Amino acid sequence: MRPEEFKNLLEAKPFIPFRIYVTGGSTYDIMHEDFVLPGRSMITLAAVVGPDGIVDQVVHVPLIHINKIEMLQAA
């Protein structure tokens, strides 16, 4: 996936939540655009956000390891 394609998903109005499938079988649900920082070769995800809105875990995912994107129902 190219960085521009990923950025377009984050900038969609209205934002539509989506699930990222990566090499190795992991998945990450992106429920809000503010919890993702796109880069040229990887994205940084706030993978676990506590009920207080504070990030508990950050994950770095190389764009070349994104196998599939699935759109989810809006919350």
PDB file of N, CA and C in Angstrom:
ATOM      1  N   MET A   1       0.840  -1.181   0.000  1.00  0.00           N
ATOM      2  CA  MET A   1       0.000   0.000   0.000  1.00  0.00           C
ATOM      3  C   MET A   1       0.880   1.238   0.000  1.00  0.00           C
ATOM      4  N   ARG A   2       0.494   2.201  -0.803  1.00  0.00           N
ATOM      5  CA  ARG A   2       1.241   3.456  -0.859  1.00  0.00           C
ATOM      6  C   ARG A   2       0.792   4.384   0.260  1.00  0.00           C
ATOM      7  N   PRO A   3       1.704   5.251   0.737  1.00  0.00           N
ATOM      8  CA  PRO A   3       1.346   6.158   1.823  1.00  0.00           C
ATOM      9  C   PRO A   3       0.175   7.075   1.476  1.00  0.00           C
ATOM     10  N   GLU A   4       0.081   7.490   0.223  1.00  0.00           N
ATOM     11  CA  GLU A   4      -0.996   8.382  -0.197  1.00  0.00           C
ATOM     12  C   GLU A   4      -2.355   7.695  -0.078  1.00  0.00           C
ATOM     13  N   GLU A   5      -2.407   6.393  -0.416  1.00  0.00           N
ATOM     14  CA  GLU A   5      -3.648   5.636  -0.313  1.00  0.00           C
ATOM     15  C   GLU A   5      -4.110   5.548   1.143  1.00  0.00           C
ATOM     16  N   PHE A   6      -3.156   5.304   2.029  1.00  0.00           N
ATOM     17  CA  PHE A   6      -3.503   5.203   3.440  1.00  0.00           C
ATOM     18  C   PHE A   6      -3.966   6.551   3.979  1.00  0.00           C
ATOM     19  N   LYS A   7      -3.282   7.600   3.598  1.00  0.00           N
ATOM     20  CA  LYS A   7      -3.652   8.954   4.032  1.00  0.00           C
ATOM     21  C   LYS A   7      -5.061   9.306   3.572  1.00  0.00           C
ATOM     22  N   ASN A   8      -5.433   8.892   2.361  1.00  0.00           N
ATOM     23  CA  ASN A   8      -6.783   9.143   1.848  1.00  0.00           C
ATOM     24  C   ASN A   8      -7.851   8.476   2.718  1.00  0.00           C
ATOM     25  N   LEU A   9      -7.566   7.267   3.222  1.00  0.00           N
ATOM     26  CA  LEU A   9      -8.507   6.596   4.125  1.00  0.00           C
ATOM     27  C   LEU A   9      -8.718   7.423   5.390  1.00  0.00           C
ATOM     28  N   LEU A  10      -7.652   7.980   5.916  1.00  0.00           N
ATOM     29  CA  LEU A  10      -7.731   8.748   7.155  1.00  0.00           C
ATOM     30  C   LEU A  10      -8.432  10.089   6.967  1.00  0.00           C
ATOM     31  N   GLU A  11      -8.342  10.650   5.765  1.00  0.00           N
ATOM     32  CA  GLU A  11      -8.906  11.985   5.510  1.00  0.00           C
ATOM     33  C   GLU A  11     -10.323  11.950   4.949  1.00  0.00           C
ATOM     34  N   ALA A  12     -10.890  10.747   4.784  1.00  0.00           N
ATOM     35  CA  ALA A  12     -12.239  10.642   4.237  1.00  0.00           C
ATOM     36  C   ALA A  12     -13.229  11.381   5.133  1.00  0.00           C
ATOM     37  N   LYS A  13     -14.165  12.099   4.513  1.00  0.00           N
ATOM     38  CA  LYS A  13     -15.205  12.820   5.251  1.00  0.00           C
ATOM     39  C   LYS A  13     -16.556  12.296   4.785  1.00  0.00           C
ATOM     40  N   PRO A  14     -17.349  11.690   5.643  1.00  0.00           N
ATOM     41  CA  PRO A  14     -17.022  11.394   7.031  1.00  0.00           C
ATOM     42  C   PRO A  14     -16.032  10.228   7.113  1.00  0.00           C
ATOM     43  N   PHE A  15     -15.296  10.179   8.216  1.00  0.00           N
ATOM     44  CA  PHE A  15     -14.353   9.094   8.441  1.00  0.00           C
ATOM     45  C   PHE A  15     -15.127   7.781   8.611  1.00  0.00           C
ATOM     46  N   ILE A  16     -14.648   6.735   7.948  1.00  0.00           N
ATOM     47  CA  ILE A  16     -15.246   5.405   8.071  1.00  0.00           C
ATOM     48  C   ILE A  16     -14.224   4.491   8.740  1.00  0.00           C
ATOM     49  N   PRO A  17     -14.565   3.913   9.896  1.00  0.00           N
ATOM     50  CA  PRO A  17     -13.634   3.000  10.565  1.00  0.00           C
ATOM     51  C   PRO A  17     -13.259   1.835   9.658  1.00  0.00           C
ATOM     52  N   PHE A  18     -12.038   1.330   9.829  1.00  0.00           N
ATOM     53  CA  PHE A  18     -11.598   0.211   8.998  1.00  0.00           C
ATOM     54  C   PHE A  18     -10.673  -0.709   9.786  1.00  0.00           C
ATOM     55  N   ARG A  19     -10.515  -1.920   9.257  1.00  0.00           N
ATOM     56  CA  ARG A  19      -9.653  -2.928   9.868  1.00  0.00           C
ATOM     57  C   ARG A  19      -8.479  -3.179   8.925  1.00  0.00           C
ATOM     58  N   ILE A  20      -7.284  -3.217   9.513  1.00  0.00           N
ATOM     59  CA  ILE A  20      -6.064  -3.500   8.761  1.00  0.00           C
ATOM     60  C   ILE A  20      -5.663  -4.949   9.028  1.00  0.00           C
ATOM     61  N   TYR A  21      -5.429  -5.712   7.968  1.00  0.00           N
ATOM     62  CA  TYR A  21      -4.904  -7.070   8.061  1.00  0.00           C
ATOM     63  C   TYR A  21      -3.438  -7.019   7.645  1.00  0.00           C
ATOM     64  N   VAL A  22      -2.560  -7.573   8.488  1.00  0.00           N
ATOM     65  CA  VAL A  22      -1.126  -7.515   8.189  1.00  0.00           C
ATOM     66  C   VAL A  22      -0.530  -8.906   8.104  1.00  0.00           C
ATOM     67  N   THR A  23       0.657  -8.966   7.498  1.00  0.00           N
ATOM     68  CA  THR A  23       1.410 -10.203   7.401  1.00  0.00           C
ATOM     69  C   THR A  23       1.550 -10.805   8.794  1.00  0.00           C
ATOM     70  N   GLY A  24       1.365 -12.100   8.902  1.00  0.00           N
ATOM     71  CA  GLY A  24       1.457 -12.766  10.188  1.00  0.00           C
ATOM     72  C   GLY A  24       0.100 -12.972  10.830  1.00  0.00           C
ATOM     73  N   GLY A  25      -0.962 -12.370  10.256  1.00  0.00           N
ATOM     74  CA  GLY A  25      -2.308 -12.607  10.727  1.00  0.00           C
ATOM     75  C   GLY A  25      -2.876 -11.598  11.705  1.00  0.00           C
ATOM     76  N   SER A  26      -2.099 -10.634  12.160  1.00  0.00           N
ATOM     77  CA  SER A  26      -2.628  -9.630  13.092  1.00  0.00           C
ATOM     78  C   SER A  26      -3.608  -8.706  12.373  1.00  0.00           C
ATOM     79  N   THR A  27      -4.558  -8.187  13.151  1.00  0.00           N
ATOM     80  CA  THR A  27      -5.484  -7.185  12.633  1.00  0.00           C
ATOM     81  C   THR A  27      -5.537  -6.017  13.612  1.00  0.00           C
ATOM     82  N   TYR A  28      -5.823  -4.850  13.072  1.00  0.00           N
ATOM     83  CA  TYR A  28      -5.936  -3.642  13.887  1.00  0.00           C
ATOM     84  C   TYR A  28      -7.150  -2.866  13.410  1.00  0.00           C
ATOM     85  N   ASP A  29      -8.042  -2.541  14.350  1.00  0.00           N
ATOM     86  CA  ASP A  29      -9.215  -1.744  14.019  1.00  0.00           C
ATOM     87  C   ASP A  29      -8.899  -0.274  14.226  1.00  0.00           C
ATOM     88  N   ILE A  30      -9.134   0.505  13.194  1.00  0.00           N
ATOM     89  CA  ILE A  30      -8.911   1.950  13.239  1.00  0.00           C
ATOM     90  C   ILE A  30     -10.288   2.599  13.372  1.00  0.00           C
ATOM     91  N   MET A  31     -10.608   3.011  14.594  1.00  0.00           N
ATOM     92  CA  MET A  31     -11.926   3.556  14.873  1.00  0.00           C
ATOM     93  C   MET A  31     -11.961   5.089  14.805  1.00  0.00           C
ATOM     94  N   HIS A  32     -10.778   5.706  14.801  1.00  0.00           N
ATOM     95  CA  HIS A  32     -10.705   7.172  14.730  1.00  0.00           C
ATOM     96  C   HIS A  32      -9.389   7.558  14.068  1.00  0.00           C
ATOM     97  N   GLU A  33      -9.443   8.531  13.194  1.00  0.00           N
ATOM     98  CA  GLU A  33      -8.253   8.935  12.435  1.00  0.00           C
ATOM     99  C   GLU A  33      -7.144   9.524  13.299  1.00  0.00           C
ATOM    100  N   ASP A  34      -7.478  10.017  14.476  1.00  0.00           N
ATOM    101  CA  ASP A  34      -6.456  10.610  15.343  1.00  0.00           C
ATOM    102  C   ASP A  34      -5.531   9.585  15.992  1.00  0.00           C
ATOM    103  N   PHE A  35      -5.881   8.295  15.908  1.00  0.00           N
ATOM    104  CA  PHE A  35      -5.064   7.259  16.541  1.00  0.00           C
ATOM    105  C   PHE A  35      -4.070   6.626  15.567  1.00  0.00           C
ATOM    106  N   VAL A  36      -3.843   7.282  14.418  1.00  0.00           N
ATOM    107  CA  VAL A  36      -2.914   6.771  13.411  1.00  0.00           C
ATOM    108  C   VAL A  36      -2.009   7.901  12.940  1.00  0.00           C
ATOM    109  N   LEU A  37      -0.733   7.601  12.848  1.00  0.00           N
ATOM    110  CA  LEU A  37       0.236   8.547  12.307  1.00  0.00           C
ATOM    111  C   LEU A  37       0.852   7.903  11.066  1.00  0.00           C
ATOM    112  N   PRO A  38       0.453   8.355   9.861  1.00  0.00           N
ATOM    113  CA  PRO A  38       0.995   7.756   8.647  1.00  0.00           C
ATOM    114  C   PRO A  38       2.386   8.299   8.326  1.00  0.00           C
ATOM    115  N   GLY A  39       3.235   7.424   7.840  1.00  0.00           N
ATOM    116  CA  GLY A  39       4.574   7.807   7.409  1.00  0.00           C
ATOM    117  C   GLY A  39       4.821   7.319   5.996  1.00  0.00           C
ATOM    118  N   ARG A  40       5.992   7.581   5.467  1.00  0.00           N
ATOM    119  CA  ARG A  40       6.334   7.171   4.096  1.00  0.00           C
ATOM    120  C   ARG A  40       6.408   5.654   3.930  1.00  0.00           C
ATOM    121  N   SER A  41       6.929   4.960   4.952  1.00  0.00           N
ATOM    122  CA  SER A  41       7.103   3.515   4.805  1.00  0.00           C
ATOM    123  C   SER A  41       6.386   2.708   5.886  1.00  0.00           C
ATOM    124  N   MET A  42       5.860   3.383   6.902  1.00  0.00           N
ATOM    125  CA  MET A  42       5.133   2.665   7.953  1.00  0.00           C
ATOM    126  C   MET A  42       4.102   3.575   8.584  1.00  0.00           C
ATOM    127  N   ILE A  43       3.167   2.937   9.286  1.00  0.00           N
ATOM    128  CA  ILE A  43       2.190   3.688  10.056  1.00  0.00           C
ATOM    129  C   ILE A  43       2.418   3.376  11.529  1.00  0.00           C
ATOM    130  N   THR A  44       2.109   4.333  12.372  1.00  0.00           N
ATOM    131  CA  THR A  44       2.186   4.144  13.813  1.00  0.00           C
ATOM    132  C   THR A  44       0.762   4.203  14.341  1.00  0.00           C
ATOM    133  N   LEU A  45       0.372   3.139  15.065  1.00  0.00           N
ATOM    134  CA  LEU A  45      -0.986   3.014  15.564  1.00  0.00           C
ATOM    135  C   LEU A  45      -1.024   3.107  17.076  1.00  0.00           C
ATOM    136  N   ALA A  46      -1.988   3.818  17.586  1.00  0.00           N
ATOM    137  CA  ALA A  46      -2.291   3.757  19.015  1.00  0.00           C
ATOM    138  C   ALA A  46      -3.167   2.509  19.154  1.00  0.00           C
ATOM    139  N   ALA A  47      -2.518   1.358  19.369  1.00  0.00           N
ATOM    140  CA  ALA A  47      -3.201   0.070  19.305  1.00  0.00           C
ATOM    141  C   ALA A  47      -4.142  -0.162  20.475  1.00  0.00           C
ATOM    142  N   VAL A  48      -3.793   0.315  21.648  1.00  0.00           N
ATOM    143  CA  VAL A  48      -4.648   0.144  22.822  1.00  0.00           C
ATOM    144  C   VAL A  48      -4.824   1.506  23.476  1.00  0.00           C
ATOM    145  N   VAL A  49      -6.056   1.956  23.482  1.00  0.00           N
ATOM    146  CA  VAL A  49      -6.369   3.244  24.101  1.00  0.00           C
ATOM    147  C   VAL A  49      -7.288   2.973  25.287  1.00  0.00           C
ATOM    148  N   GLY A  50      -6.884   3.438  26.458  1.00  0.00           N
ATOM    149  CA  GLY A  50      -7.669   3.216  27.668  1.00  0.00           C
ATOM    150  C   GLY A  50      -8.947   4.022  27.678  1.00  0.00           C
ATOM    151  N   PRO A  51      -9.834   3.730  28.620  1.00  0.00           N
ATOM    152  CA  PRO A  51     -11.112   4.452  28.709  1.00  0.00           C
ATOM    153  C   PRO A  51     -10.940   5.942  28.984  1.00  0.00           C
ATOM    154  N   ASP A  52      -9.767   6.323  29.481  1.00  0.00           N
ATOM    155  CA  ASP A  52      -9.498   7.733  29.741  1.00  0.00           C
ATOM    156  C   ASP A  52      -8.944   8.451  28.516  1.00  0.00           C
ATOM    157  N   GLY A  53      -8.822   7.714  27.377  1.00  0.00           N
ATOM    158  CA  GLY A  53      -8.322   8.312  26.143  1.00  0.00           C
ATOM    159  C   GLY A  53      -6.815   8.376  26.052  1.00  0.00           C
ATOM    160  N   ILE A  54      -6.109   7.799  27.026  1.00  0.00           N
ATOM    161  CA  ILE A  54      -4.650   7.799  27.025  1.00  0.00           C
ATOM    162  C   ILE A  54      -4.147   6.517  26.365  1.00  0.00           C
ATOM    163  N   VAL A  55      -3.166   6.659  25.484  1.00  0.00           N
ATOM    164  CA  VAL A  55      -2.622   5.524  24.741  1.00  0.00           C
ATOM    165  C   VAL A  55      -1.792   4.636  25.660  1.00  0.00           C
ATOM    166  N   ASP A  56      -2.109   3.330  25.646  1.00  0.00           N
ATOM    167  CA  ASP A  56      -1.387   2.357  26.459  1.00  0.00           C
ATOM    168  C   ASP A  56      -0.350   1.575  25.651  1.00  0.00           C
ATOM    169  N   GLN A  57      -0.579   1.448  24.334  1.00  0.00           N
ATOM    170  CA  GLN A  57       0.332   0.659  23.502  1.00  0.00           C
ATOM    171  C   GLN A  57       0.405   1.271  22.103  1.00  0.00           C
ATOM    172  N   VAL A  58       1.610   1.320  21.558  1.00  0.00           N
ATOM    173  CA  VAL A  58       1.837   1.821  20.204  1.00  0.00           C
ATOM    174  C   VAL A  58       2.424   0.695  19.367  1.00  0.00           C
ATOM    175  N   VAL A  59       1.951   0.584  18.114  1.00  0.00           N
ATOM    176  CA  VAL A  59       2.433  -0.446  17.192  1.00  0.00           C
ATOM    177  C   VAL A  59       2.883   0.238  15.912  1.00  0.00           C
ATOM    178  N   HIS A  60       4.030  -0.198  15.383  1.00  0.00           N
ATOM    179  CA  HIS A  60       4.535   0.301  14.100  1.00  0.00           C
ATOM    180  C   HIS A  60       4.320  -0.788  13.055  1.00  0.00           C
ATOM    181  N   VAL A  61       3.640  -0.446  11.969  1.00  0.00           N
ATOM    182  CA  VAL A  61       3.331  -1.409  10.917  1.00  0.00           C
ATOM    183  C   VAL A  61       3.908  -0.907   9.593  1.00  0.00           C
ATOM    184  N   PRO A  62       4.878  -1.641   9.017  1.00  0.00           N
ATOM    185  CA  PRO A  62       5.375  -1.261   7.692  1.00  0.00           C
ATOM    186  C   PRO A  62       4.255  -1.376   6.648  1.00  0.00           C
ATOM    187  N   LEU A  63       4.152  -0.404   5.778  1.00  0.00           N
ATOM    188  CA  LEU A  63       3.105  -0.410   4.753  1.00  0.00           C
ATOM    189  C   LEU A  63       3.168  -1.652   3.875  1.00  0.00           C
ATOM    190  N   ILE A  64       4.363  -2.176   3.638  1.00  0.00           N
ATOM    191  CA  ILE A  64       4.481  -3.362   2.775  1.00  0.00           C
ATOM    192  C   ILE A  64       3.866  -4.607   3.416  1.00  0.00           C
ATOM    193  N   HIS A  65       3.585  -4.555   4.729  1.00  0.00           N
ATOM    194  CA  HIS A  65       2.987  -5.703   5.415  1.00  0.00           C
ATOM    195  C   HIS A  65       1.471  -5.602   5.539  1.00  0.00           C
ATOM    196  N   ILE A  66       0.878  -4.552   5.000  1.00  0.00           N
ATOM    197  CA  ILE A  66      -0.584  -4.444   4.995  1.00  0.00           C
ATOM    198  C   ILE A  66      -1.102  -5.262   3.815  1.00  0.00           C
ATOM    199  N   ASN A  67      -1.866  -6.320   4.136  1.00  0.00           N
ATOM    200  CA  ASN A  67      -2.390  -7.220   3.106  1.00  0.00           C
ATOM    201  C   ASN A  67      -3.777  -6.840   2.624  1.00  0.00           C
ATOM    202  N   LYS A  68      -4.571  -6.282   3.533  1.00  0.00           N
ATOM    203  CA  LYS A  68      -5.964  -6.029   3.193  1.00  0.00           C
ATOM    204  C   LYS A  68      -6.518  -4.963   4.135  1.00  0.00           C
ATOM    205  N   ILE A  69      -7.461  -4.174   3.609  1.00  0.00           N
ATOM    206  CA  ILE A  69      -8.187  -3.179   4.402  1.00  0.00           C
ATOM    207  C   ILE A  69      -9.667  -3.499   4.248  1.00  0.00           C
ATOM    208  N   GLU A  70     -10.359  -3.568   5.372  1.00  0.00           N
ATOM    209  CA  GLU A  70     -11.797  -3.852   5.363  1.00  0.00           C
ATOM    210  C   GLU A  70     -12.519  -2.713   6.056  1.00  0.00           C
ATOM    211  N   MET A  71     -13.492  -2.123   5.376  1.00  0.00           N
ATOM    212  CA  MET A  71     -14.269  -1.041   5.957  1.00  0.00           C
ATOM    213  C   MET A  71     -15.217  -1.618   6.999  1.00  0.00           C
ATOM    214  N   LEU A  72     -15.379  -0.924   8.120  1.00  0.00           N
ATOM    215  CA  LEU A  72     -16.247  -1.358   9.211  1.00  0.00           C
ATOM    216  C   LEU A  72     -17.478  -0.457   9.280  1.00  0.00           C
ATOM    217  N   GLN A  73     -18.458  -0.883  10.026  1.00  0.00           N
ATOM    218  CA  GLN A  73     -19.640  -0.049  10.250  1.00  0.00           C
ATOM    219  C   GLN A  73     -19.251   1.154  11.087  1.00  0.00           C
ATOM    220  N   ALA A  74     -19.817   2.291  10.814  1.00  0.00           N
ATOM    221  CA  ALA A  74     -19.567   3.480  11.619  1.00  0.00           C
ATOM    222  C   ALA A  74     -20.083   3.233  13.033  1.00  0.00           C
ATOM    223  N   ALA A  75     -19.333   3.760  14.021  1.00  0.00           N
ATOM    224  CA  ALA A  75     -19.718   3.545  15.431  1.00  0.00           C
ATOM    225  C   ALA A  75     -21.003   4.280  15.746  1.00  0.00           C
TER     226      ALA A  75
END
